[in-house]
N, C-alpha and C. Protein backbone atom coordinates (compact mmCIF):
# COMPACT_ATOMS: atom_id res chain seq x y z
N MET A 1 53.21 -7.61 -8.66
CA MET A 1 52.75 -7.84 -7.90
C MET A 1 52.07 -6.95 -6.94
N ARG A 2 52.35 -5.85 -6.40
CA ARG A 2 51.88 -4.60 -5.37
C ARG A 2 51.33 -4.51 -5.95
N VAL A 3 51.17 -3.88 -7.42
CA VAL A 3 50.30 -3.04 -8.18
C VAL A 3 48.92 -3.92 -8.21
N HIS A 4 49.32 -5.00 -8.58
CA HIS A 4 47.89 -5.90 -8.52
C HIS A 4 46.95 -5.92 -6.83
N ARG A 5 47.86 -5.89 -5.67
CA ARG A 5 47.36 -6.22 -4.76
C ARG A 5 46.42 -4.28 -4.17
N LYS A 6 47.73 -3.31 -4.79
CA LYS A 6 46.81 -1.94 -4.92
C LYS A 6 45.28 -2.19 -5.83
N VAL A 7 45.27 -2.35 -7.09
CA VAL A 7 44.34 -2.64 -7.17
C VAL A 7 42.87 -3.09 -6.97
N LEU A 8 43.57 -4.22 -6.41
CA LEU A 8 42.58 -4.93 -5.50
C LEU A 8 42.07 -4.71 -4.81
N VAL A 9 42.59 -3.95 -3.99
CA VAL A 9 42.42 -2.94 -2.32
C VAL A 9 41.08 -2.02 -2.68
N ALA A 10 41.62 -1.25 -4.10
CA ALA A 10 41.20 -0.19 -4.42
C ALA A 10 39.85 -0.19 -4.98
N LEU A 11 39.51 -1.82 -5.61
CA LEU A 11 38.65 -1.97 -6.35
C LEU A 11 37.37 -2.26 -4.71
N LEU A 12 38.20 -3.13 -4.10
CA LEU A 12 37.43 -4.00 -2.76
C LEU A 12 36.71 -2.24 -1.98
N VAL A 13 37.04 -1.30 -2.05
CA VAL A 13 36.95 -0.02 -1.14
C VAL A 13 35.63 0.62 -1.94
N LEU A 14 36.27 0.61 -3.36
CA LEU A 14 34.76 1.08 -4.24
C LEU A 14 33.72 0.20 -3.79
N LEU A 15 33.68 -0.99 -3.86
CA LEU A 15 32.18 -2.17 -3.66
C LEU A 15 32.01 -1.96 -2.81
N LEU A 16 32.34 -1.58 -1.80
CA LEU A 16 32.37 -1.34 -0.11
C LEU A 16 32.03 -0.51 0.27
N GLY A 17 31.95 0.47 -0.59
CA GLY A 17 31.84 2.02 -0.30
C GLY A 17 30.55 2.09 -0.77
N GLY A 18 30.58 1.66 -2.48
CA GLY A 18 29.08 1.19 -2.53
C GLY A 18 27.72 0.68 -2.36
N VAL A 19 28.44 -0.48 -1.51
CA VAL A 19 27.37 -1.02 -0.24
C VAL A 19 26.79 -0.42 0.70
N VAL A 20 27.74 0.54 1.71
CA VAL A 20 27.20 1.54 2.21
C VAL A 20 26.83 2.53 2.25
N SER A 21 26.85 3.02 1.16
CA SER A 21 26.13 4.41 0.57
C SER A 21 25.03 3.65 -0.02
N ALA A 22 24.59 2.49 -0.56
CA ALA A 22 23.23 2.33 -1.34
C ALA A 22 22.22 3.07 -0.39
N GLU A 23 21.28 3.71 -1.13
CA GLU A 23 20.11 4.50 -0.79
C GLU A 23 18.70 3.15 0.10
N ARG A 24 18.67 3.79 1.03
CA ARG A 24 17.42 2.81 1.74
C ARG A 24 15.97 3.95 2.17
N MET A 25 15.26 3.13 1.77
CA MET A 25 13.93 3.43 2.16
C MET A 25 12.96 2.96 3.21
N ALA A 26 12.68 3.89 4.23
CA ALA A 26 11.96 3.79 6.21
C ALA A 26 10.45 3.64 4.83
N ILE A 27 9.61 2.53 5.39
CA ILE A 27 8.48 2.48 5.45
C ILE A 27 7.53 2.35 6.34
N VAL A 28 6.49 3.45 6.62
CA VAL A 28 5.44 2.96 7.57
C VAL A 28 3.87 2.53 7.27
N VAL A 29 3.48 2.04 7.66
CA VAL A 29 1.98 1.72 6.98
C VAL A 29 0.85 1.78 7.88
N GLN A 30 0.00 2.81 8.74
CA GLN A 30 -0.72 3.24 9.66
C GLN A 30 -2.27 3.07 9.21
N CYS A 31 -3.24 3.39 10.05
CA CYS A 31 -4.16 3.10 9.81
C CYS A 31 -5.41 4.74 10.54
N ALA A 32 -6.12 5.60 9.90
CA ALA A 32 -6.60 6.66 10.41
C ALA A 32 -8.13 6.37 11.07
N ILE A 33 -8.24 4.35 10.54
CA ILE A 33 -9.19 4.47 10.95
C ILE A 33 -9.00 2.74 11.74
N GLY A 34 -10.73 2.42 12.17
CA GLY A 34 -10.39 0.71 12.83
C GLY A 34 -10.23 -0.10 11.73
N ILE A 35 -9.55 -1.21 11.96
CA ILE A 35 -9.59 -2.20 10.03
C ILE A 35 -9.00 -3.15 11.47
N PRO A 36 -9.34 -5.00 10.87
CA PRO A 36 -8.92 -5.44 11.69
C PRO A 36 -7.44 -5.47 11.52
N PRO A 37 -6.97 -6.08 12.98
CA PRO A 37 -5.14 -5.63 13.56
C PRO A 37 -4.48 -6.82 12.46
N GLN A 38 -5.07 -7.74 11.66
CA GLN A 38 -4.47 -9.11 11.22
C GLN A 38 -3.90 -8.77 9.78
N ALA A 39 -5.45 -8.20 9.36
CA ALA A 39 -5.34 -7.14 7.72
C ALA A 39 -4.50 -6.37 7.60
N LEU A 40 -4.26 -5.18 8.99
CA LEU A 40 -3.09 -4.15 9.09
C LEU A 40 -1.62 -4.64 9.21
N GLN A 41 -1.45 -5.81 10.01
CA GLN A 41 -0.04 -6.44 9.41
C GLN A 41 0.43 -7.03 8.17
N GLN A 42 -0.60 -7.58 7.55
CA GLN A 42 -0.52 -8.44 6.53
C GLN A 42 -0.18 -7.30 5.33
N LEU A 43 -0.77 -5.94 5.81
CA LEU A 43 -0.76 -5.36 4.42
C LEU A 43 0.50 -4.47 5.13
N ARG A 44 1.06 -4.41 6.20
CA ARG A 44 2.62 -3.69 6.37
C ARG A 44 3.28 -4.81 5.76
N ILE A 45 3.11 -5.76 5.89
CA ILE A 45 4.23 -7.30 5.38
C ILE A 45 4.69 -7.00 3.51
N TYR A 46 2.92 -6.91 3.31
CA TYR A 46 3.13 -6.44 1.34
C TYR A 46 3.98 -5.64 1.25
N THR A 47 3.61 -4.27 1.87
CA THR A 47 3.88 -3.43 1.46
C THR A 47 5.80 -3.23 1.36
N VAL A 48 6.54 -3.68 2.35
CA VAL A 48 7.37 -3.69 2.50
C VAL A 48 8.46 -4.70 1.01
N GLN A 49 7.55 -5.64 0.87
CA GLN A 49 8.31 -6.60 0.28
C GLN A 49 7.89 -6.09 -0.99
N LYS A 50 6.84 -5.52 -1.30
CA LYS A 50 6.08 -5.15 -2.69
C LYS A 50 7.70 -3.43 -2.99
N ALA A 51 7.75 -3.34 -1.98
CA ALA A 51 8.48 -1.56 -2.01
C ALA A 51 10.31 -2.50 -2.48
N ALA A 52 10.51 -3.57 -1.66
CA ALA A 52 11.76 -3.98 -1.92
C ALA A 52 11.66 -4.50 -3.66
N ALA A 53 11.27 -5.35 -3.53
CA ALA A 53 11.37 -5.93 -5.01
C ALA A 53 10.84 -4.59 -6.29
N TYR A 54 10.17 -3.80 -6.00
CA TYR A 54 10.33 -3.12 -7.31
C TYR A 54 10.92 -2.12 -7.82
N SER A 55 11.39 -1.58 -6.03
CA SER A 55 12.66 -0.28 -6.02
C SER A 55 13.98 -0.67 -6.26
N GLY A 56 14.43 -2.33 -5.70
CA GLY A 56 15.73 -2.15 -5.68
C GLY A 56 16.45 -1.65 -4.76
N LEU A 57 16.10 -0.77 -3.35
CA LEU A 57 16.47 -0.42 -2.80
C LEU A 57 16.35 -1.35 -1.29
N LYS A 58 17.14 -0.85 -0.52
CA LYS A 58 16.60 -1.44 1.06
C LYS A 58 16.32 -1.23 1.69
N VAL A 59 15.36 -1.74 2.41
CA VAL A 59 13.77 -1.26 3.10
C VAL A 59 14.31 -1.10 4.21
N VAL A 60 13.58 -0.21 5.13
CA VAL A 60 13.70 -0.15 6.76
C VAL A 60 12.12 -0.63 6.89
N PRO A 61 12.43 -1.86 7.51
CA PRO A 61 10.52 -2.04 7.46
C PRO A 61 9.36 -1.36 8.78
N ASP A 62 8.59 -1.11 9.04
CA ASP A 62 7.29 -1.04 9.28
C ASP A 62 8.19 -0.83 10.70
N ARG A 63 8.63 -1.98 11.86
CA ARG A 63 8.20 -1.99 12.99
C ARG A 63 9.48 -1.01 13.68
N GLU A 64 10.79 -1.16 12.43
CA GLU A 64 12.22 -0.27 12.85
C GLU A 64 11.36 1.68 12.77
N VAL A 65 10.77 2.19 11.82
CA VAL A 65 10.39 2.90 12.08
C VAL A 65 9.39 3.17 13.36
N ARG A 66 8.53 2.48 13.84
CA ARG A 66 7.57 3.12 14.63
C ARG A 66 8.80 2.86 16.17
N ARG A 67 9.56 1.25 16.10
CA ARG A 67 10.76 2.39 17.15
C ARG A 67 11.45 3.09 16.81
N ALA A 68 11.69 3.73 15.74
CA ALA A 68 12.43 5.64 15.58
C ALA A 68 11.58 6.31 16.07
N GLU A 69 10.01 5.66 15.85
CA GLU A 69 9.32 7.56 16.16
C GLU A 69 9.49 6.99 17.98
N LEU A 70 9.52 6.60 18.42
CA LEU A 70 9.68 6.41 20.11
C LEU A 70 10.48 6.99 20.13
N GLU A 71 11.90 6.36 19.99
CA GLU A 71 13.28 6.69 20.53
C GLU A 71 13.18 8.46 19.89
N ALA A 72 12.75 9.20 19.02
CA ALA A 72 13.25 10.14 18.01
C ALA A 72 11.74 11.37 18.93
N GLY A 73 10.78 10.66 19.50
CA GLY A 73 9.97 10.99 20.29
C GLY A 73 9.19 11.86 19.31
N VAL A 74 8.77 11.80 17.70
CA VAL A 74 7.87 11.83 16.58
C VAL A 74 6.80 10.91 16.53
N ILE A 75 6.14 12.32 16.20
CA ILE A 75 4.73 11.19 15.89
C ILE A 75 4.60 11.67 14.64
N LEU A 76 3.99 10.27 13.66
CA LEU A 76 3.88 10.11 12.44
C LEU A 76 2.63 10.20 12.13
N GLY A 77 1.90 11.36 11.70
CA GLY A 77 0.28 11.28 11.96
C GLY A 77 -0.09 12.01 10.67
N THR A 78 -1.12 12.96 10.39
CA THR A 78 -1.59 13.41 9.47
C THR A 78 -0.56 14.30 9.22
N TYR A 79 -0.25 15.27 10.02
CA TYR A 79 0.52 16.32 9.73
C TYR A 79 2.01 15.92 10.61
N ILE A 80 2.84 15.97 9.68
CA ILE A 80 4.65 15.37 10.16
C ILE A 80 5.89 16.34 10.08
N PRO A 81 5.90 17.38 11.50
CA PRO A 81 7.48 18.51 10.82
C PRO A 81 8.22 18.23 10.44
N GLU A 82 8.48 18.91 9.08
CA GLU A 82 9.68 18.43 8.83
C GLU A 82 11.25 18.29 9.49
N ASP A 83 11.59 18.48 10.93
CA ASP A 83 12.22 18.50 11.56
C ASP A 83 11.88 16.82 12.78
N GLY A 84 10.99 16.54 12.49
CA GLY A 84 10.07 15.52 12.58
C GLY A 84 10.82 13.99 11.51
N VAL A 85 10.53 14.48 10.30
CA VAL A 85 11.44 13.89 9.33
C VAL A 85 12.73 13.43 9.48
N ARG A 86 13.37 14.46 9.69
CA ARG A 86 15.04 14.42 9.27
C ARG A 86 15.16 13.00 10.60
N LYS A 87 14.70 13.63 11.61
CA LYS A 87 15.02 12.35 13.21
C LYS A 87 14.49 11.09 12.69
N ILE A 88 13.53 10.89 12.03
CA ILE A 88 12.97 9.68 11.80
C ILE A 88 14.54 9.29 10.80
N LEU A 89 14.31 9.41 9.59
CA LEU A 89 15.54 8.97 8.67
C LEU A 89 17.15 9.12 9.47
N ARG A 90 17.09 10.06 10.65
CA ARG A 90 18.82 10.22 10.47
C ARG A 90 18.79 8.57 11.71
N THR A 91 17.67 8.28 12.17
CA THR A 91 17.62 7.07 13.70
C THR A 91 17.28 6.44 12.79
N VAL A 92 17.00 5.80 11.65
CA VAL A 92 16.45 4.37 11.16
C VAL A 92 18.05 4.81 9.92
N GLY A 93 18.29 5.62 9.22
CA GLY A 93 19.85 5.76 8.82
C GLY A 93 19.34 5.25 6.98
N ALA A 94 18.32 6.04 6.84
CA ALA A 94 17.28 6.03 5.47
C ALA A 94 17.28 7.02 4.84
N ASP A 95 17.21 7.12 3.35
CA ASP A 95 17.76 8.52 2.66
C ASP A 95 15.90 8.72 2.30
N TYR A 96 14.82 7.78 2.13
CA TYR A 96 13.79 8.65 1.91
C TYR A 96 12.65 7.67 3.14
N LEU A 97 11.15 8.67 3.96
CA LEU A 97 10.30 7.99 4.10
C LEU A 97 9.20 8.14 3.83
N LEU A 98 8.84 6.61 3.21
CA LEU A 98 7.12 6.54 2.56
C LEU A 98 6.13 6.20 3.75
N VAL A 99 5.33 6.89 3.83
CA VAL A 99 3.93 6.91 4.76
C VAL A 99 2.43 6.64 4.01
N VAL A 100 2.07 5.36 4.69
CA VAL A 100 1.23 4.44 3.76
C VAL A 100 -0.02 4.56 4.96
N ARG A 101 -0.65 5.54 4.87
CA ARG A 101 -2.10 5.92 5.74
C ARG A 101 -3.22 5.43 5.30
N VAL A 102 -3.94 4.28 5.80
CA VAL A 102 -5.26 4.01 5.86
C VAL A 102 -6.38 4.95 5.90
N ILE A 103 -7.19 5.36 4.95
CA ILE A 103 -7.96 6.57 5.46
C ILE A 103 -9.43 6.12 5.21
N SER A 104 -9.65 4.70 4.62
CA SER A 104 -11.20 4.00 4.32
C SER A 104 -10.69 3.14 4.46
N TRP A 105 -11.40 2.07 4.91
CA TRP A 105 -11.12 1.20 4.54
C TRP A 105 -13.40 0.23 4.58
N GLU A 106 -14.32 -0.07 3.31
CA GLU A 106 -15.49 -0.21 3.20
C GLU A 106 -15.35 -1.77 3.03
N ASP A 107 -16.15 -1.79 3.07
CA ASP A 107 -16.68 -3.54 2.76
C ASP A 107 -18.67 -3.59 3.29
N LYS A 108 -18.90 -3.08 1.73
CA LYS A 108 -20.77 -2.44 2.13
C LYS A 108 -21.48 -3.31 0.77
N TRP A 109 -22.52 -3.05 1.44
CA TRP A 109 -23.73 -4.19 -0.15
C TRP A 109 -23.97 -3.29 -0.72
N GLU A 110 -24.45 -3.48 -2.07
CA GLU A 110 -25.39 -2.53 -2.52
C GLU A 110 -26.14 -3.49 -3.63
N ILE A 111 -27.15 -2.54 -4.56
CA ILE A 111 -27.88 -3.29 -5.22
C ILE A 111 -27.06 -3.34 -7.00
N ARG A 112 -27.04 -3.72 -7.34
CA ARG A 112 -26.61 -3.48 -8.98
C ARG A 112 -27.29 -3.98 -9.27
N ALA A 113 -28.91 -3.15 -10.51
CA ALA A 113 -29.81 -4.24 -11.11
C ALA A 113 -29.21 -4.57 -12.52
N GLU A 114 -28.13 -4.10 -12.99
CA GLU A 114 -27.76 -4.57 -14.33
C GLU A 114 -27.09 -6.53 -14.16
N ARG A 115 -26.61 -6.31 -12.95
CA ARG A 115 -26.25 -7.82 -12.53
C ARG A 115 -27.59 -8.85 -13.01
N ALA A 116 -28.84 -8.83 -12.24
CA ALA A 116 -30.16 -9.21 -13.02
C ALA A 116 -30.10 -9.45 -14.22
N LEU A 117 -30.53 -7.89 -14.97
CA LEU A 117 -30.39 -7.85 -16.08
C LEU A 117 -29.84 -8.49 -17.41
N PHE A 118 -28.33 -8.87 -16.41
CA PHE A 118 -27.05 -9.52 -17.27
C PHE A 118 -28.15 -11.46 -17.01
N LEU A 119 -28.34 -11.45 -15.99
CA LEU A 119 -28.73 -12.93 -15.96
C LEU A 119 -29.45 -13.11 -16.40
N SER A 120 -30.98 -12.46 -16.42
CA SER A 120 -32.36 -13.08 -17.30
C SER A 120 -31.29 -12.65 -18.89
N GLY A 121 -30.09 -11.89 -19.40
CA GLY A 121 -30.26 -11.88 -21.03
C GLY A 121 -29.78 -12.68 -21.33
N VAL A 122 -28.80 -13.44 -20.68
CA VAL A 122 -28.07 -14.68 -20.61
C VAL A 122 -28.76 -16.14 -20.32
N GLY A 123 -30.56 -16.03 -20.02
CA GLY A 123 -31.39 -16.70 -19.97
C GLY A 123 -31.06 -17.80 -18.23
N LEU A 124 -30.48 -16.94 -17.45
CA LEU A 124 -30.42 -17.64 -16.25
C LEU A 124 -31.17 -17.60 -15.35
N LEU A 125 -32.01 -15.92 -15.08
CA LEU A 125 -33.02 -15.93 -14.75
C LEU A 125 -34.39 -15.48 -16.05
N ASP A 126 -35.37 -15.97 -15.67
CA ASP A 126 -36.73 -15.08 -15.84
C ASP A 126 -36.82 -13.78 -16.64
N PRO A 127 -37.11 -13.59 -17.75
CA PRO A 127 -36.92 -11.88 -17.83
C PRO A 127 -38.28 -11.13 -17.59
N THR A 128 -39.09 -11.97 -16.53
CA THR A 128 -40.35 -10.86 -16.22
C THR A 128 -40.09 -9.83 -15.05
N LEU A 129 -40.90 -8.99 -15.01
CA LEU A 129 -40.82 -7.94 -14.03
C LEU A 129 -40.73 -8.62 -12.52
N GLY A 130 -42.06 -9.39 -12.67
CA GLY A 130 -42.05 -10.55 -11.57
C GLY A 130 -41.28 -10.74 -10.79
N ASN A 131 -40.19 -11.37 -11.96
CA ASN A 131 -38.65 -11.96 -11.45
C ASN A 131 -37.53 -11.06 -11.24
N LEU A 132 -37.72 -9.91 -12.02
CA LEU A 132 -36.65 -9.35 -11.50
C LEU A 132 -36.66 -8.68 -10.19
N LEU A 133 -37.88 -8.01 -10.14
CA LEU A 133 -38.01 -7.44 -8.56
C LEU A 133 -38.16 -8.21 -7.44
N GLY A 134 -38.50 -9.80 -7.52
CA GLY A 134 -39.13 -10.59 -6.67
C GLY A 134 -37.57 -11.03 -5.64
N PRO A 135 -37.72 -11.99 -4.95
CA PRO A 135 -36.49 -12.47 -4.19
C PRO A 135 -35.34 -12.90 -5.17
N LEU A 136 -35.60 -13.60 -5.92
CA LEU A 136 -34.52 -14.23 -6.93
C LEU A 136 -33.31 -12.97 -7.76
N GLY A 137 -34.51 -12.18 -8.23
CA GLY A 137 -34.55 -11.22 -8.77
C GLY A 137 -33.32 -10.08 -8.54
N LEU A 138 -33.92 -9.87 -6.83
CA LEU A 138 -32.87 -8.98 -5.64
C LEU A 138 -31.71 -9.43 -5.11
N LEU A 139 -32.00 -11.05 -5.35
CA LEU A 139 -30.85 -11.60 -4.63
C LEU A 139 -29.54 -11.51 -5.27
N SER A 140 -30.31 -12.12 -7.00
CA SER A 140 -28.98 -12.03 -8.00
C SER A 140 -28.43 -10.85 -8.14
N ALA A 141 -29.13 -10.12 -8.09
CA ALA A 141 -28.61 -7.86 -7.76
C ALA A 141 -27.85 -7.30 -6.96
N LEU A 142 -28.11 -8.36 -5.51
CA LEU A 142 -27.13 -8.10 -4.38
C LEU A 142 -25.37 -8.25 -4.66
N ASP A 143 -24.62 -6.76 -3.96
CA ASP A 143 -23.50 -6.90 -4.29
C ASP A 143 -22.64 -6.43 -3.38
N ARG A 144 -21.70 -7.12 -2.86
CA ARG A 144 -20.61 -6.95 -1.96
C ARG A 144 -19.55 -6.07 -2.29
N ARG A 145 -19.18 -4.98 -1.76
CA ARG A 145 -17.73 -4.15 -3.12
C ARG A 145 -17.18 -3.99 -1.61
N ALA A 146 -15.81 -3.90 -1.81
CA ALA A 146 -14.90 -3.32 -0.93
C ALA A 146 -14.19 -2.18 -1.57
N LYS A 147 -13.84 -1.30 -0.66
CA LYS A 147 -12.97 0.04 -1.19
C LYS A 147 -12.05 0.34 -0.57
N VAL A 148 -10.70 0.64 -0.61
CA VAL A 148 -9.89 1.19 0.49
C VAL A 148 -9.33 2.42 -0.42
N THR A 149 -9.36 2.87 0.60
CA THR A 149 -8.23 4.72 0.15
C THR A 149 -6.82 4.74 1.05
N LEU A 150 -6.14 4.82 0.45
CA LEU A 150 -4.68 5.71 1.45
C LEU A 150 -4.00 6.95 1.07
N LEU A 151 -3.66 7.37 1.64
CA LEU A 151 -3.14 8.73 1.73
C LEU A 151 -1.63 8.33 1.59
N VAL A 152 -0.80 8.74 0.67
CA VAL A 152 0.66 8.01 0.35
C VAL A 152 1.49 9.69 0.76
N ARG A 153 2.21 9.62 1.28
CA ARG A 153 3.57 10.91 1.17
C ARG A 153 4.55 10.08 1.23
N LEU A 154 5.85 10.92 0.57
CA LEU A 154 6.95 10.39 0.39
C LEU A 154 8.17 11.28 0.81
N TYR A 155 9.08 11.80 2.07
CA TYR A 155 9.98 12.07 2.42
C TYR A 155 11.43 12.10 1.99
N THR A 156 12.04 13.18 2.13
CA THR A 156 13.34 13.07 2.36
C THR A 156 14.03 14.00 3.49
N PRO A 157 15.39 14.07 3.73
CA PRO A 157 15.71 14.95 4.30
C PRO A 157 15.38 16.85 4.37
N GLU A 158 14.83 16.98 2.79
CA GLU A 158 14.66 18.39 2.83
C GLU A 158 12.65 18.43 2.83
N GLY A 159 12.21 17.10 2.75
CA GLY A 159 11.05 17.54 3.33
C GLY A 159 10.16 16.35 2.40
N LEU A 160 8.55 17.24 2.00
CA LEU A 160 8.00 16.26 1.45
C LEU A 160 7.89 16.02 -0.01
N ILE A 161 8.04 15.03 -0.34
CA ILE A 161 8.50 15.50 -2.36
C ILE A 161 7.31 14.59 -3.43
N HIS A 162 6.48 14.05 -2.61
CA HIS A 162 5.15 13.66 -3.33
C HIS A 162 3.96 13.58 -2.39
N ALA A 163 3.19 13.59 -2.15
CA ALA A 163 1.58 13.41 -1.73
C ALA A 163 0.42 13.01 -2.88
N ASN A 164 -0.10 12.07 -2.92
CA ASN A 164 -1.30 11.69 -3.31
C ASN A 164 -2.63 10.62 -2.68
N VAL A 165 -3.72 10.70 -3.24
CA VAL A 165 -4.95 9.70 -2.14
C VAL A 165 -4.76 9.03 -3.26
N ILE A 166 -4.88 7.62 -3.14
CA ILE A 166 -5.01 6.61 -4.23
C ILE A 166 -6.13 5.73 -3.98
N SER A 167 -7.19 4.94 -4.24
CA SER A 167 -8.21 4.09 -4.11
C SER A 167 -8.31 2.89 -5.10
N ALA A 168 -8.62 1.89 -4.68
CA ALA A 168 -8.19 1.08 -5.25
C ALA A 168 -10.28 0.14 -4.92
N ASP A 169 -10.33 -0.52 -5.42
CA ASP A 169 -12.02 -1.78 -5.25
C ASP A 169 -11.57 -2.57 -5.42
N ASP A 170 -12.83 -3.93 -5.19
CA ASP A 170 -12.53 -5.15 -5.29
C ASP A 170 -14.18 -5.41 -5.09
N ALA A 171 -14.42 -6.03 -6.33
CA ALA A 171 -16.05 -6.37 -6.35
C ALA A 171 -15.79 -7.14 -7.72
N PRO A 172 -15.55 -8.48 -7.69
CA PRO A 172 -16.10 -9.43 -8.49
C PRO A 172 -17.16 -9.66 -9.10
N PHE A 173 -17.59 -9.59 -10.50
CA PHE A 173 -18.95 -10.03 -10.77
C PHE A 173 -19.79 -10.74 -10.48
N PHE A 174 -19.23 -11.67 -10.64
CA PHE A 174 -20.00 -12.77 -9.95
C PHE A 174 -19.58 -13.49 -8.55
N LEU A 175 -20.04 -13.78 -7.42
CA LEU A 175 -19.89 -14.37 -6.05
C LEU A 175 -19.21 -13.37 -5.84
N SER A 176 -19.52 -11.90 -5.42
CA SER A 176 -19.02 -10.96 -4.74
C SER A 176 -18.99 -10.93 -3.22
N TRP A 177 -20.63 -11.97 -2.72
CA TRP A 177 -20.53 -11.81 -1.66
C TRP A 177 -19.79 -12.50 -0.55
N ILE A 178 -18.75 -13.55 -1.83
CA ILE A 178 -17.34 -14.53 -1.02
C ILE A 178 -16.34 -13.99 -1.41
N PHE A 179 -15.58 -13.70 -2.65
CA PHE A 179 -14.79 -13.05 -2.60
C PHE A 179 -14.11 -11.68 -2.89
N SER A 180 -14.91 -10.75 -2.79
CA SER A 180 -14.92 -9.18 -2.50
C SER A 180 -14.04 -9.62 -0.91
N ASP A 181 -13.00 -9.05 -1.09
CA ASP A 181 -11.86 -8.83 -0.04
C ASP A 181 -11.29 -7.45 0.08
N PRO A 182 -11.46 -6.71 1.46
CA PRO A 182 -10.67 -5.13 1.47
C PRO A 182 -9.23 -5.10 1.39
N LEU A 183 -8.72 -6.34 1.92
CA LEU A 183 -7.15 -6.62 1.50
C LEU A 183 -7.00 -6.67 0.26
N ARG A 184 -7.53 -7.31 -0.57
CA ARG A 184 -7.25 -7.51 -1.67
C ARG A 184 -7.03 -5.90 -2.04
N ALA A 185 -7.79 -5.28 -1.61
CA ALA A 185 -8.26 -3.62 -2.67
C ALA A 185 -7.34 -2.38 -1.95
N ALA A 186 -7.08 -2.92 -1.08
CA ALA A 186 -5.89 -2.18 -0.12
C ALA A 186 -4.51 -2.87 -1.01
N ARG A 187 -4.26 -3.95 -1.39
CA ARG A 187 -2.78 -4.50 -1.64
C ARG A 187 -2.81 -3.81 -3.22
N ARG A 188 -4.24 -4.10 -3.97
CA ARG A 188 -4.14 -3.32 -5.33
C ARG A 188 -3.80 -1.46 -5.00
N ALA A 189 -4.28 -0.68 -3.45
CA ALA A 189 -3.62 0.51 -3.94
C ALA A 189 -2.31 0.36 -3.62
N VAL A 190 -2.13 -0.13 -3.14
CA VAL A 190 -0.29 -0.58 -2.55
C VAL A 190 0.17 -0.38 -3.79
N ASP A 191 -0.10 -1.32 -4.46
CA ASP A 191 0.86 -1.75 -5.97
C ASP A 191 0.81 0.14 -6.46
N MET A 192 -0.38 0.52 -6.43
CA MET A 192 -0.60 1.88 -7.24
C MET A 192 0.46 2.69 -7.22
N ALA A 193 0.31 2.96 -5.66
CA ALA A 193 0.87 3.96 -5.11
C ALA A 193 2.39 3.97 -4.90
N LEU A 194 2.97 2.38 -4.53
CA LEU A 194 4.49 2.42 -5.31
C LEU A 194 5.02 2.89 -6.88
N SER A 195 4.10 2.25 -7.36
CA SER A 195 4.28 2.55 -8.95
C SER A 195 4.39 3.92 -9.41
N GLU A 196 3.55 4.77 -8.72
CA GLU A 196 3.70 6.13 -8.47
C GLU A 196 5.03 6.92 -7.71
N VAL A 197 5.16 6.40 -6.77
CA VAL A 197 6.22 6.77 -5.91
C VAL A 197 7.62 6.50 -6.75
N LEU A 198 7.61 5.59 -6.76
CA LEU A 198 8.97 5.06 -6.78
C LEU A 198 9.48 5.92 -8.33
N GLN A 199 8.68 6.58 -9.31
CA GLN A 199 9.21 7.35 -10.48
C GLN A 199 9.45 8.84 -9.92
N MET A 200 9.77 9.03 -8.55
CA MET A 200 9.88 10.09 -8.00
C MET A 200 11.07 9.96 -7.61
N LEU A 201 11.75 8.96 -7.55
CA LEU A 201 12.99 8.61 -6.89
C LEU A 201 14.10 8.85 -8.24
């Protein structure tokens, strides 16, 4: 009976030790440019949720990392000193620090002549030069394109182990005026970044 009890205690210690020593990743999403505050908040939530789902690691959310910045007196900007990274990781109790910085947030209009040519090719627009260059042709060629670029960096207590610039766009072929969305482009960029970063772990 005592042997079984000792084995049970040893298993519990191992299990609890495994839980305590589970790797943790701290994530902060920031922007170097002005973007809508609601979009930034949604991007922060999305990044944390996706990182937890993809990696299986315990994730320290953005708000805790920003609080740790204040406590440690460290600014996570374009340049982050190694000592600052160690302070942040020590404060939040994490093994990795993922910094996602939005460096470009575009929502622009442009003319895509191929769309007007496509519409004329399928018979939705009369393919005369006057129609293609007229109001209807120009309106059908008008396109709204959203594009977001992220600077993604992954740190450990030893320093920077991965950095990359990742861009994604969102420009549906039809009805882009309504459906093109920079936040959707940003989410795609985050997915691409996480896929790349998690290969480093």
